Amino acid sequence: MAAASGSMRLQRCIVSPAGRHSASLIFLHGSGDSGQGLRTWIKQVLNQDLTFQHIKVIYPTAPPRPYTPLKGGISNVWFDRFKISNDCPEHLESIDVTCQVLTDLINDEVKSGIRKNRILIGGFSMGGCMAMHLAFRNHQDVAGVFALSSFLNTASAVYQALQQSDGLLPELFQCHGTADELVLHAWGEETNSTLTSLGNGCSLTYKGPHRRLGL
């Protein structure tokens, strides 16, 4: 059973823009991490915070929930998985609950005066998968979506949504390290190939060590 609910307000780590706030970036962490943890990691990679003159960066933290790959152990994950693989069904119940919780976050930005087409959604690993579900299935009018070292299951509901869409879709940036041994490069490659066949692919591979951020 999903642990989150649409009424839950996520913890948020926020980096304010240096100037006037006119756009927002929602950056989702990987499984078992936190918004603060992702911000710290990016700061280590860049030797500084990810900051912009006009963009507010929001790092939300996934609510704790039982996670099947940990034998039901509690972890900060955006959704449950039956196993860490691309050849099994998606756990749509938990994915859809989190889509609603993250929609509340998007709505908060809109209420503050930021247009939907000025909101960028993305993430690392599981966060990138969650971002694709959120953008392509629920918010096709956002500015764009990015997925770093992420994959979609072979029969993903995202693909079904893209097949049924007859309007403009948010632009996708996807990248995946060739040396990634946890989220296999082949899974990201298959995701990219399927998205391309549906009219929304992009360049994918970068050479690099295991689990490095593609920034």
N, C-alpha and C. Protein backbone atom coordinates (compact mmCIF):
# COMPACT_ATOMS: atom_id res chain seq x y z
N MET A 1 0.85 -1.19 0.00
CA MET A 1 0.00 0.00 0.00
C MET A 1 0.88 1.24 0.00
N ALA A 2 0.49 2.26 -0.77
CA ALA A 2 1.28 3.49 -0.82
C ALA A 2 1.22 4.20 0.51
N ALA A 3 2.37 4.79 0.88
CA ALA A 3 2.45 5.42 2.19
C ALA A 3 2.13 6.90 2.14
N ALA A 4 2.24 7.50 0.96
CA ALA A 4 2.03 8.93 0.84
C ALA A 4 0.57 9.21 0.54
N SER A 5 0.18 10.45 0.64
CA SER A 5 -1.16 10.85 0.27
C SER A 5 -1.11 12.21 -0.39
N GLY A 6 -2.15 12.53 -1.14
CA GLY A 6 -2.17 13.79 -1.85
C GLY A 6 -2.19 14.99 -0.93
N SER A 7 -2.55 14.79 0.36
CA SER A 7 -2.60 15.90 1.30
C SER A 7 -1.26 16.14 1.98
N MET A 8 -0.26 15.30 1.70
CA MET A 8 1.03 15.42 2.36
C MET A 8 1.85 16.54 1.73
N ARG A 9 2.47 17.35 2.57
CA ARG A 9 3.38 18.38 2.08
C ARG A 9 4.80 17.87 2.22
N LEU A 10 5.50 17.78 1.11
CA LEU A 10 6.86 17.25 1.12
C LEU A 10 7.84 18.21 1.77
N GLN A 11 8.83 17.67 2.45
CA GLN A 11 9.95 18.48 2.90
C GLN A 11 10.69 19.01 1.67
N ARG A 12 11.12 20.25 1.72
CA ARG A 12 11.74 20.87 0.56
C ARG A 12 13.01 21.60 0.95
N CYS A 13 14.06 21.33 0.23
CA CYS A 13 15.30 22.09 0.36
C CYS A 13 15.33 23.06 -0.82
N ILE A 14 15.44 24.35 -0.54
CA ILE A 14 15.26 25.36 -1.59
C ILE A 14 16.51 26.23 -1.72
N VAL A 15 16.92 26.44 -2.97
CA VAL A 15 17.98 27.39 -3.29
C VAL A 15 17.32 28.55 -4.03
N SER A 16 17.28 29.71 -3.41
CA SER A 16 16.59 30.86 -3.99
C SER A 16 17.41 31.47 -5.12
N PRO A 17 16.73 32.07 -6.10
CA PRO A 17 17.46 32.73 -7.19
C PRO A 17 18.18 33.97 -6.69
N ALA A 18 19.22 34.34 -7.41
CA ALA A 18 19.98 35.53 -7.03
C ALA A 18 19.20 36.80 -7.32
N GLY A 19 18.35 36.74 -8.35
CA GLY A 19 17.56 37.91 -8.72
C GLY A 19 16.07 37.65 -8.60
N ARG A 20 15.29 38.22 -9.51
CA ARG A 20 13.84 38.08 -9.46
C ARG A 20 13.43 36.67 -9.87
N HIS A 21 12.58 36.06 -9.07
CA HIS A 21 12.13 34.69 -9.32
C HIS A 21 11.11 34.67 -10.45
N SER A 22 11.48 34.03 -11.58
CA SER A 22 10.55 33.95 -12.71
C SER A 22 10.43 32.54 -13.28
N ALA A 23 11.12 31.56 -12.68
CA ALA A 23 11.05 30.17 -13.12
C ALA A 23 11.44 29.27 -11.96
N SER A 24 11.05 27.99 -12.04
CA SER A 24 11.37 27.04 -10.97
C SER A 24 11.85 25.73 -11.55
N LEU A 25 12.79 25.10 -10.85
CA LEU A 25 13.33 23.79 -11.22
C LEU A 25 13.09 22.84 -10.05
N ILE A 26 12.37 21.75 -10.31
CA ILE A 26 12.11 20.73 -9.30
C ILE A 26 13.02 19.55 -9.59
N PHE A 27 13.93 19.25 -8.66
CA PHE A 27 14.99 18.25 -8.87
C PHE A 27 14.75 17.11 -7.87
N LEU A 28 14.43 15.92 -8.38
CA LEU A 28 14.07 14.77 -7.55
C LEU A 28 15.25 13.84 -7.33
N HIS A 29 15.48 13.47 -6.08
CA HIS A 29 16.62 12.62 -5.72
C HIS A 29 16.38 11.16 -6.09
N GLY A 30 17.42 10.35 -5.96
CA GLY A 30 17.32 8.92 -6.20
C GLY A 30 16.83 8.18 -4.97
N SER A 31 16.65 6.88 -5.08
CA SER A 31 16.09 6.07 -3.99
C SER A 31 16.98 6.11 -2.76
N GLY A 32 16.35 6.29 -1.60
CA GLY A 32 17.05 6.28 -0.33
C GLY A 32 17.75 7.57 0.03
N ASP A 33 17.65 8.57 -0.81
CA ASP A 33 18.35 9.84 -0.58
C ASP A 33 17.35 10.86 -0.01
N SER A 34 17.70 12.12 -0.06
CA SER A 34 16.83 13.20 0.39
C SER A 34 17.11 14.42 -0.46
N GLY A 35 16.24 15.41 -0.36
CA GLY A 35 16.48 16.65 -1.08
C GLY A 35 17.77 17.31 -0.66
N GLN A 36 18.02 17.35 0.65
CA GLN A 36 19.26 17.94 1.15
C GLN A 36 20.46 17.13 0.70
N GLY A 37 20.33 15.80 0.68
CA GLY A 37 21.43 14.95 0.24
C GLY A 37 21.78 15.19 -1.21
N LEU A 38 20.77 15.34 -2.07
CA LEU A 38 21.03 15.62 -3.48
C LEU A 38 21.68 16.98 -3.66
N ARG A 39 21.18 17.97 -2.93
CA ARG A 39 21.79 19.30 -3.03
C ARG A 39 23.26 19.25 -2.62
N THR A 40 23.57 18.54 -1.55
CA THR A 40 24.95 18.43 -1.08
C THR A 40 25.83 17.74 -2.12
N TRP A 41 25.30 16.68 -2.73
CA TRP A 41 26.06 15.94 -3.74
C TRP A 41 26.38 16.83 -4.94
N ILE A 42 25.37 17.56 -5.42
CA ILE A 42 25.58 18.45 -6.55
C ILE A 42 26.60 19.52 -6.21
N LYS A 43 26.53 20.02 -4.98
CA LYS A 43 27.49 21.04 -4.54
C LYS A 43 28.90 20.48 -4.55
N GLN A 44 29.07 19.21 -4.20
CA GLN A 44 30.39 18.57 -4.24
C GLN A 44 30.88 18.42 -5.68
N VAL A 45 29.98 18.07 -6.59
CA VAL A 45 30.35 17.89 -8.00
C VAL A 45 30.73 19.21 -8.64
N LEU A 46 29.95 20.25 -8.38
CA LEU A 46 30.15 21.55 -9.02
C LEU A 46 31.08 22.47 -8.25
N ASN A 47 31.40 22.09 -7.00
CA ASN A 47 32.15 22.97 -6.09
C ASN A 47 31.38 24.24 -5.77
N GLN A 48 30.09 24.20 -5.93
CA GLN A 48 29.21 25.31 -5.57
C GLN A 48 27.77 24.84 -5.69
N ASP A 49 26.85 25.61 -5.13
CA ASP A 49 25.44 25.30 -5.27
C ASP A 49 25.01 25.45 -6.72
N LEU A 50 23.99 24.70 -7.12
CA LEU A 50 23.35 24.90 -8.42
C LEU A 50 22.43 26.11 -8.27
N THR A 51 22.89 27.26 -8.77
CA THR A 51 22.15 28.50 -8.58
C THR A 51 21.96 29.20 -9.92
N PHE A 52 20.90 30.00 -10.00
CA PHE A 52 20.59 30.76 -11.20
C PHE A 52 20.13 32.16 -10.81
N GLN A 53 20.19 33.07 -11.76
CA GLN A 53 19.78 34.44 -11.50
C GLN A 53 18.27 34.54 -11.27
N HIS A 54 17.49 33.72 -12.00
CA HIS A 54 16.03 33.87 -11.96
C HIS A 54 15.28 32.58 -11.63
N ILE A 55 16.00 31.46 -11.44
CA ILE A 55 15.34 30.17 -11.22
C ILE A 55 15.49 29.72 -9.76
N LYS A 56 14.37 29.41 -9.13
CA LYS A 56 14.39 28.79 -7.81
C LYS A 56 14.56 27.28 -7.98
N VAL A 57 15.53 26.70 -7.27
CA VAL A 57 15.77 25.26 -7.34
C VAL A 57 15.14 24.61 -6.10
N ILE A 58 14.29 23.62 -6.33
CA ILE A 58 13.57 22.95 -5.25
C ILE A 58 13.98 21.49 -5.22
N TYR A 59 14.50 21.04 -4.08
CA TYR A 59 14.86 19.64 -3.88
C TYR A 59 13.90 19.03 -2.86
N PRO A 60 12.80 18.45 -3.29
CA PRO A 60 11.89 17.82 -2.33
C PRO A 60 12.44 16.47 -1.85
N THR A 61 11.96 16.02 -0.72
CA THR A 61 12.34 14.70 -0.19
C THR A 61 11.16 13.75 -0.27
N ALA A 62 11.39 12.57 -0.83
CA ALA A 62 10.33 11.57 -0.93
C ALA A 62 9.91 11.12 0.47
N PRO A 63 8.62 10.89 0.68
CA PRO A 63 8.17 10.39 1.99
C PRO A 63 8.64 8.96 2.21
N PRO A 64 8.93 8.58 3.45
CA PRO A 64 9.34 7.20 3.73
C PRO A 64 8.20 6.22 3.46
N ARG A 65 8.54 5.10 2.87
CA ARG A 65 7.54 4.07 2.56
C ARG A 65 8.22 2.71 2.54
N PRO A 66 7.47 1.63 2.71
CA PRO A 66 8.05 0.29 2.53
C PRO A 66 8.50 0.11 1.08
N TYR A 67 9.69 -0.48 0.91
CA TYR A 67 10.28 -0.62 -0.42
C TYR A 67 10.58 -2.09 -0.67
N THR A 68 9.90 -2.68 -1.63
CA THR A 68 10.00 -4.11 -1.88
C THR A 68 11.42 -4.60 -2.13
N PRO A 69 12.26 -3.89 -2.92
CA PRO A 69 13.63 -4.36 -3.11
C PRO A 69 14.45 -4.43 -1.82
N LEU A 70 14.01 -3.74 -0.77
CA LEU A 70 14.65 -3.83 0.54
C LEU A 70 13.88 -4.78 1.46
N LYS A 71 13.11 -5.68 0.86
CA LYS A 71 12.30 -6.65 1.61
C LYS A 71 11.31 -5.97 2.55
N GLY A 72 10.77 -4.86 2.08
CA GLY A 72 9.78 -4.13 2.85
C GLY A 72 10.35 -3.11 3.82
N GLY A 73 11.67 -2.94 3.81
CA GLY A 73 12.29 -1.93 4.66
C GLY A 73 11.84 -0.53 4.28
N ILE A 74 11.84 0.37 5.25
CA ILE A 74 11.40 1.74 5.02
C ILE A 74 12.52 2.55 4.38
N SER A 75 12.18 3.28 3.32
CA SER A 75 13.18 4.10 2.63
C SER A 75 12.50 5.31 2.01
N ASN A 76 13.27 6.38 1.81
CA ASN A 76 12.75 7.56 1.12
C ASN A 76 12.79 7.28 -0.39
N VAL A 77 11.68 6.80 -0.91
CA VAL A 77 11.58 6.49 -2.34
C VAL A 77 10.30 7.10 -2.89
N TRP A 78 10.35 7.49 -4.16
CA TRP A 78 9.19 8.13 -4.78
C TRP A 78 8.07 7.13 -5.04
N PHE A 79 8.42 5.87 -5.23
CA PHE A 79 7.41 4.84 -5.48
C PHE A 79 8.03 3.48 -5.17
N ASP A 80 7.19 2.48 -5.12
CA ASP A 80 7.68 1.12 -4.88
C ASP A 80 8.00 0.46 -6.22
N ARG A 81 8.85 -0.54 -6.17
CA ARG A 81 9.16 -1.37 -7.33
C ARG A 81 8.96 -2.83 -6.92
N PHE A 82 8.50 -3.64 -7.87
CA PHE A 82 8.44 -5.07 -7.60
C PHE A 82 9.84 -5.66 -7.59
N LYS A 83 10.72 -5.11 -8.42
CA LYS A 83 12.15 -5.42 -8.39
C LYS A 83 12.87 -4.35 -9.20
N ILE A 84 14.19 -4.25 -9.01
CA ILE A 84 14.96 -3.26 -9.76
C ILE A 84 15.31 -3.87 -11.11
N SER A 85 14.44 -3.67 -12.06
CA SER A 85 14.58 -4.24 -13.39
C SER A 85 13.63 -3.50 -14.32
N ASN A 86 13.92 -3.56 -15.61
CA ASN A 86 13.02 -2.91 -16.57
C ASN A 86 12.00 -3.86 -17.17
N ASP A 87 12.06 -5.14 -16.80
CA ASP A 87 11.19 -6.13 -17.43
C ASP A 87 10.09 -6.64 -16.50
N CYS A 88 9.61 -5.77 -15.62
CA CYS A 88 8.52 -6.14 -14.72
C CYS A 88 7.48 -5.02 -14.75
N PRO A 89 6.27 -5.27 -14.26
CA PRO A 89 5.24 -4.22 -14.23
C PRO A 89 5.65 -3.06 -13.32
N GLU A 90 5.13 -1.88 -13.62
CA GLU A 90 5.33 -0.73 -12.75
C GLU A 90 4.36 -0.81 -11.56
N HIS A 91 4.79 -0.24 -10.44
CA HIS A 91 3.91 -0.17 -9.27
C HIS A 91 3.13 1.14 -9.39
N LEU A 92 2.10 1.12 -10.25
CA LEU A 92 1.40 2.36 -10.61
C LEU A 92 0.66 2.99 -9.44
N GLU A 93 0.21 2.18 -8.49
CA GLU A 93 -0.50 2.75 -7.34
C GLU A 93 0.37 3.78 -6.62
N SER A 94 1.59 3.39 -6.30
CA SER A 94 2.47 4.31 -5.57
C SER A 94 2.97 5.43 -6.47
N ILE A 95 3.18 5.16 -7.75
CA ILE A 95 3.60 6.21 -8.69
C ILE A 95 2.53 7.29 -8.77
N ASP A 96 1.27 6.88 -8.90
CA ASP A 96 0.20 7.85 -9.07
C ASP A 96 -0.06 8.66 -7.81
N VAL A 97 0.11 8.04 -6.64
CA VAL A 97 -0.02 8.80 -5.39
C VAL A 97 1.05 9.89 -5.33
N THR A 98 2.28 9.54 -5.69
CA THR A 98 3.35 10.54 -5.64
C THR A 98 3.16 11.61 -6.71
N CYS A 99 2.60 11.25 -7.86
CA CYS A 99 2.29 12.26 -8.87
C CYS A 99 1.37 13.33 -8.29
N GLN A 100 0.40 12.91 -7.48
CA GLN A 100 -0.52 13.87 -6.87
C GLN A 100 0.20 14.75 -5.85
N VAL A 101 1.06 14.14 -5.04
CA VAL A 101 1.81 14.91 -4.05
C VAL A 101 2.71 15.94 -4.73
N LEU A 102 3.36 15.54 -5.82
CA LEU A 102 4.24 16.46 -6.54
C LEU A 102 3.43 17.50 -7.33
N THR A 103 2.21 17.14 -7.72
CA THR A 103 1.33 18.12 -8.35
C THR A 103 1.02 19.25 -7.38
N ASP A 104 0.86 18.91 -6.10
CA ASP A 104 0.65 19.95 -5.09
C ASP A 104 1.83 20.91 -5.05
N LEU A 105 3.04 20.39 -5.21
CA LEU A 105 4.24 21.23 -5.24
C LEU A 105 4.22 22.14 -6.47
N ILE A 106 3.88 21.58 -7.62
CA ILE A 106 3.77 22.39 -8.83
C ILE A 106 2.72 23.48 -8.65
N ASN A 107 1.59 23.12 -8.08
CA ASN A 107 0.51 24.10 -7.87
C ASN A 107 0.95 25.22 -6.94
N ASP A 108 1.77 24.90 -5.95
CA ASP A 108 2.29 25.94 -5.06
C ASP A 108 3.10 26.96 -5.84
N GLU A 109 3.91 26.47 -6.79
CA GLU A 109 4.70 27.39 -7.61
C GLU A 109 3.81 28.25 -8.50
N VAL A 110 2.77 27.64 -9.07
CA VAL A 110 1.84 28.39 -9.91
C VAL A 110 1.13 29.46 -9.08
N LYS A 111 0.72 29.10 -7.87
CA LYS A 111 0.05 30.07 -7.00
C LYS A 111 0.96 31.23 -6.63
N SER A 112 2.27 30.97 -6.63
CA SER A 112 3.22 32.04 -6.30
C SER A 112 3.51 32.94 -7.50
N GLY A 113 2.91 32.61 -8.65
CA GLY A 113 3.07 33.47 -9.83
C GLY A 113 3.92 32.91 -10.94
N ILE A 114 4.38 31.66 -10.82
CA ILE A 114 5.21 31.04 -11.85
C ILE A 114 4.32 30.24 -12.80
N ARG A 115 4.37 30.56 -14.08
CA ARG A 115 3.57 29.83 -15.06
C ARG A 115 4.07 28.40 -15.22
N LYS A 116 3.17 27.49 -15.58
CA LYS A 116 3.55 26.09 -15.75
C LYS A 116 4.65 25.94 -16.79
N ASN A 117 4.61 26.74 -17.84
CA ASN A 117 5.63 26.62 -18.88
C ASN A 117 6.95 27.27 -18.49
N ARG A 118 7.05 27.64 -17.21
CA ARG A 118 8.31 28.15 -16.64
C ARG A 118 8.79 27.22 -15.52
N ILE A 119 8.27 26.01 -15.48
CA ILE A 119 8.65 25.02 -14.46
C ILE A 119 9.32 23.84 -15.14
N LEU A 120 10.52 23.51 -14.71
CA LEU A 120 11.29 22.38 -15.24
C LEU A 120 11.31 21.28 -14.18
N ILE A 121 11.08 20.03 -14.61
CA ILE A 121 11.02 18.89 -13.69
C ILE A 121 12.05 17.85 -14.11
N GLY A 122 12.83 17.37 -13.16
CA GLY A 122 13.80 16.33 -13.51
C GLY A 122 14.30 15.61 -12.28
N GLY A 123 15.18 14.65 -12.51
CA GLY A 123 15.70 13.91 -11.37
C GLY A 123 16.81 12.97 -11.74
N PHE A 124 17.39 12.40 -10.69
CA PHE A 124 18.49 11.45 -10.80
C PHE A 124 17.98 10.05 -10.46
N SER A 125 18.31 9.07 -11.28
CA SER A 125 17.95 7.68 -11.05
C SER A 125 16.43 7.54 -10.89
N MET A 126 15.95 7.03 -9.75
CA MET A 126 14.51 6.92 -9.56
C MET A 126 13.81 8.26 -9.73
N GLY A 127 14.48 9.34 -9.33
CA GLY A 127 13.90 10.67 -9.48
C GLY A 127 13.65 11.04 -10.92
N GLY A 128 14.53 10.60 -11.83
CA GLY A 128 14.32 10.87 -13.25
C GLY A 128 13.13 10.12 -13.80
N CYS A 129 12.97 8.88 -13.37
CA CYS A 129 11.80 8.09 -13.75
C CYS A 129 10.53 8.77 -13.26
N MET A 130 10.54 9.20 -12.00
CA MET A 130 9.38 9.87 -11.43
C MET A 130 9.07 11.15 -12.20
N ALA A 131 10.11 11.88 -12.59
CA ALA A 131 9.92 13.12 -13.34
C ALA A 131 9.25 12.87 -14.68
N MET A 132 9.63 11.77 -15.35
CA MET A 132 9.01 11.46 -16.64
C MET A 132 7.54 11.10 -16.47
N HIS A 133 7.21 10.35 -15.42
CA HIS A 133 5.79 10.06 -15.14
C HIS A 133 5.03 11.35 -14.86
N LEU A 134 5.61 12.21 -14.06
CA LEU A 134 4.94 13.45 -13.66
C LEU A 134 4.70 14.36 -14.86
N ALA A 135 5.73 14.54 -15.68
CA ALA A 135 5.63 15.47 -16.80
C ALA A 135 4.83 14.90 -17.97
N PHE A 136 5.16 13.70 -18.41
CA PHE A 136 4.55 13.17 -19.63
C PHE A 136 3.14 12.63 -19.42
N ARG A 137 2.80 12.23 -18.20
CA ARG A 137 1.46 11.69 -17.95
C ARG A 137 0.52 12.71 -17.32
N ASN A 138 1.07 13.70 -16.62
CA ASN A 138 0.23 14.60 -15.83
C ASN A 138 0.39 16.07 -16.15
N HIS A 139 1.56 16.48 -16.60
CA HIS A 139 1.82 17.92 -16.79
C HIS A 139 2.60 18.14 -18.08
N GLN A 140 1.94 17.89 -19.20
CA GLN A 140 2.61 18.02 -20.49
C GLN A 140 2.84 19.47 -20.90
N ASP A 141 2.40 20.41 -20.07
CA ASP A 141 2.59 21.83 -20.37
C ASP A 141 3.73 22.46 -19.56
N VAL A 142 4.57 21.65 -18.90
CA VAL A 142 5.73 22.22 -18.21
C VAL A 142 6.82 22.54 -19.23
N ALA A 143 7.85 23.26 -18.77
CA ALA A 143 8.89 23.73 -19.68
C ALA A 143 9.74 22.60 -20.24
N GLY A 144 9.99 21.58 -19.44
CA GLY A 144 10.85 20.48 -19.89
C GLY A 144 11.04 19.47 -18.78
N VAL A 145 11.70 18.37 -19.13
CA VAL A 145 11.94 17.29 -18.18
C VAL A 145 13.34 16.73 -18.43
N PHE A 146 14.04 16.36 -17.36
CA PHE A 146 15.35 15.74 -17.53
C PHE A 146 15.45 14.49 -16.66
N ALA A 147 16.22 13.52 -17.15
CA ALA A 147 16.38 12.24 -16.46
C ALA A 147 17.84 11.83 -16.53
N LEU A 148 18.49 11.73 -15.37
CA LEU A 148 19.90 11.40 -15.28
C LEU A 148 20.05 9.99 -14.72
N SER A 149 20.65 9.09 -15.48
CA SER A 149 20.84 7.69 -15.05
C SER A 149 19.52 7.06 -14.63
N SER A 150 18.53 7.18 -15.50
CA SER A 150 17.17 6.72 -15.20
C SER A 150 16.68 5.77 -16.29
N PHE A 151 15.62 5.04 -15.98
CA PHE A 151 15.02 4.17 -16.98
C PHE A 151 13.53 4.04 -16.72
N LEU A 152 12.81 3.64 -17.77
CA LEU A 152 11.39 3.31 -17.66
C LEU A 152 11.22 1.82 -17.92
N ASN A 153 10.24 1.21 -17.28
CA ASN A 153 9.95 -0.20 -17.54
C ASN A 153 9.46 -0.38 -18.98
N THR A 154 9.64 -1.56 -19.51
CA THR A 154 9.38 -1.79 -20.93
C THR A 154 7.92 -1.54 -21.33
N ALA A 155 7.00 -1.72 -20.41
CA ALA A 155 5.58 -1.46 -20.69
C ALA A 155 5.09 -0.26 -19.88
N SER A 156 5.93 0.75 -19.75
CA SER A 156 5.63 1.90 -18.90
C SER A 156 4.37 2.65 -19.33
N ALA A 157 3.65 3.13 -18.34
CA ALA A 157 2.48 3.98 -18.60
C ALA A 157 2.89 5.28 -19.27
N VAL A 158 4.15 5.68 -19.13
CA VAL A 158 4.63 6.88 -19.82
C VAL A 158 4.53 6.69 -21.33
N TYR A 159 4.93 5.52 -21.82
CA TYR A 159 4.85 5.26 -23.26
C TYR A 159 3.40 5.31 -23.74
N GLN A 160 2.50 4.77 -22.95
CA GLN A 160 1.08 4.79 -23.33
C GLN A 160 0.57 6.23 -23.41
N ALA A 161 0.99 7.07 -22.46
CA ALA A 161 0.56 8.47 -22.47
C ALA A 161 1.09 9.19 -23.70
N LEU A 162 2.33 8.91 -24.08
CA LEU A 162 2.91 9.56 -25.26
C LEU A 162 2.22 9.10 -26.54
N GLN A 163 1.85 7.83 -26.59
CA GLN A 163 1.15 7.31 -27.77
C GLN A 163 -0.20 7.99 -27.95
N GLN A 164 -0.83 8.34 -26.85
CA GLN A 164 -2.17 8.92 -26.90
C GLN A 164 -2.15 10.44 -27.01
N SER A 165 -0.99 11.06 -26.84
CA SER A 165 -0.90 12.51 -26.86
C SER A 165 -0.93 13.04 -28.28
N ASP A 166 -1.70 14.10 -28.49
CA ASP A 166 -1.75 14.73 -29.81
C ASP A 166 -1.33 16.20 -29.75
N GLY A 167 -0.72 16.58 -28.63
CA GLY A 167 -0.29 17.96 -28.48
C GLY A 167 1.21 18.07 -28.32
N LEU A 168 1.67 19.27 -28.03
CA LEU A 168 3.09 19.49 -27.80
C LEU A 168 3.51 18.84 -26.49
N LEU A 169 4.70 18.29 -26.48
CA LEU A 169 5.23 17.64 -25.28
C LEU A 169 6.42 18.41 -24.76
N PRO A 170 6.66 18.36 -23.45
CA PRO A 170 7.86 19.02 -22.91
C PRO A 170 9.12 18.38 -23.46
N GLU A 171 10.11 19.19 -23.75
CA GLU A 171 11.37 18.67 -24.27
C GLU A 171 12.08 17.85 -23.20
N LEU A 172 12.72 16.76 -23.63
CA LEU A 172 13.41 15.86 -22.71
C LEU A 172 14.92 15.96 -22.87
N PHE A 173 15.63 16.00 -21.73
CA PHE A 173 17.08 15.81 -21.70
C PHE A 173 17.33 14.55 -20.90
N GLN A 174 17.98 13.56 -21.51
CA GLN A 174 18.28 12.30 -20.85
C GLN A 174 19.75 11.98 -21.04
N CYS A 175 20.42 11.53 -19.99
CA CYS A 175 21.80 11.08 -20.12
C CYS A 175 22.04 9.91 -19.17
N HIS A 176 23.04 9.10 -19.52
CA HIS A 176 23.29 7.87 -18.77
C HIS A 176 24.75 7.48 -18.94
N GLY A 177 25.45 7.28 -17.85
CA GLY A 177 26.86 6.90 -17.91
C GLY A 177 27.05 5.48 -18.40
N THR A 178 28.03 5.27 -19.25
CA THR A 178 28.27 3.93 -19.80
C THR A 178 28.77 2.96 -18.73
N ALA A 179 29.34 3.48 -17.64
CA ALA A 179 29.91 2.61 -16.60
C ALA A 179 28.95 2.37 -15.44
N ASP A 180 27.69 2.77 -15.60
CA ASP A 180 26.72 2.60 -14.52
C ASP A 180 26.39 1.13 -14.35
N GLU A 181 26.68 0.57 -13.18
CA GLU A 181 26.45 -0.85 -12.92
C GLU A 181 25.20 -1.11 -12.09
N LEU A 182 24.58 -0.06 -11.57
CA LEU A 182 23.36 -0.23 -10.78
C LEU A 182 22.12 -0.08 -11.66
N VAL A 183 22.02 1.07 -12.32
CA VAL A 183 20.99 1.26 -13.35
C VAL A 183 21.70 1.05 -14.68
N LEU A 184 21.52 -0.12 -15.26
CA LEU A 184 22.32 -0.50 -16.42
C LEU A 184 22.12 0.47 -17.59
N HIS A 185 23.24 0.75 -18.27
CA HIS A 185 23.18 1.63 -19.43
C HIS A 185 22.20 1.09 -20.47
N ALA A 186 22.12 -0.23 -20.60
CA ALA A 186 21.20 -0.83 -21.58
C ALA A 186 19.75 -0.48 -21.28
N TRP A 187 19.40 -0.33 -19.99
CA TRP A 187 18.03 0.05 -19.64
C TRP A 187 17.76 1.48 -20.08
N GLY A 188 18.71 2.37 -19.83
CA GLY A 188 18.56 3.75 -20.27
C GLY A 188 18.51 3.84 -21.79
N GLU A 189 19.31 3.01 -22.46
CA GLU A 189 19.35 3.00 -23.92
C GLU A 189 18.00 2.54 -24.49
N GLU A 190 17.43 1.51 -23.89
CA GLU A 190 16.12 1.04 -24.34
C GLU A 190 15.05 2.10 -24.12
N THR A 191 15.11 2.76 -22.97
CA THR A 191 14.17 3.85 -22.70
C THR A 191 14.30 4.94 -23.75
N ASN A 192 15.53 5.33 -24.04
CA ASN A 192 15.78 6.38 -25.02
C ASN A 192 15.28 5.98 -26.40
N SER A 193 15.51 4.72 -26.77
CA SER A 193 15.08 4.24 -28.08
C SER A 193 13.56 4.27 -28.21
N THR A 194 12.87 3.85 -27.15
CA THR A 194 11.40 3.85 -27.19
C THR A 194 10.86 5.27 -27.22
N LEU A 195 11.44 6.16 -26.42
CA LEU A 195 11.00 7.56 -26.42
C LEU A 195 11.24 8.19 -27.79
N THR A 196 12.36 7.84 -28.43
CA THR A 196 12.65 8.36 -29.76
C THR A 196 11.61 7.89 -30.77
N SER A 197 11.22 6.62 -30.67
CA SER A 197 10.22 6.08 -31.59
C SER A 197 8.86 6.76 -31.41
N LEU A 198 8.65 7.33 -30.22
CA LEU A 198 7.40 8.04 -29.93
C LEU A 198 7.53 9.54 -30.14
N GLY A 199 8.68 9.95 -30.69
CA GLY A 199 8.87 11.34 -31.06
C GLY A 199 9.43 12.22 -29.98
N ASN A 200 10.03 11.63 -28.95
CA ASN A 200 10.54 12.47 -27.86
C ASN A 200 11.87 11.97 -27.33
N GLY A 201 12.77 11.59 -28.21
CA GLY A 201 14.09 11.13 -27.79
C GLY A 201 15.10 12.26 -27.78
N CYS A 202 16.31 11.93 -27.37
CA CYS A 202 17.39 12.90 -27.33
C CYS A 202 18.70 12.13 -27.22
N SER A 203 19.82 12.86 -27.23
CA SER A 203 21.11 12.20 -27.04
C SER A 203 21.17 11.59 -25.65
N LEU A 204 21.95 10.53 -25.50
CA LEU A 204 21.88 9.76 -24.26
C LEU A 204 23.21 9.60 -23.55
N THR A 205 24.21 9.02 -24.20
CA THR A 205 25.38 8.48 -23.51
C THR A 205 26.43 9.54 -23.20
N TYR A 206 27.04 9.40 -22.02
CA TYR A 206 28.30 10.10 -21.75
C TYR A 206 29.24 9.10 -21.11
N LYS A 207 30.52 9.26 -21.37
CA LYS A 207 31.50 8.36 -20.79
C LYS A 207 31.84 8.83 -19.39
N GLY A 208 31.79 7.93 -18.44
CA GLY A 208 32.08 8.35 -17.08
C GLY A 208 31.95 7.21 -16.12
N PRO A 209 32.40 7.42 -14.89
CA PRO A 209 32.36 6.38 -13.87
C PRO A 209 30.95 6.15 -13.36
N HIS A 210 30.84 5.14 -12.56
CA HIS A 210 29.57 4.68 -11.99
C HIS A 210 28.89 5.78 -11.18
N ARG A 211 27.61 6.08 -11.56
CA ARG A 211 26.73 6.94 -10.76
C ARG A 211 27.24 8.36 -10.62
N ARG A 212 27.85 8.90 -11.66
CA ARG A 212 28.22 10.31 -11.62
C ARG A 212 27.09 11.14 -12.19
N LEU A 213 26.87 12.30 -11.63
CA LEU A 213 25.83 13.18 -12.14
C LEU A 213 26.22 13.72 -13.50
N GLY A 214 25.27 13.75 -14.41
CA GLY A 214 25.54 14.28 -15.74
C GLY A 214 25.26 15.76 -15.80
N LEU A 215 26.06 16.55 -15.13
CA LEU A 215 25.85 17.99 -15.10
C LEU A 215 26.98 18.71 -15.81
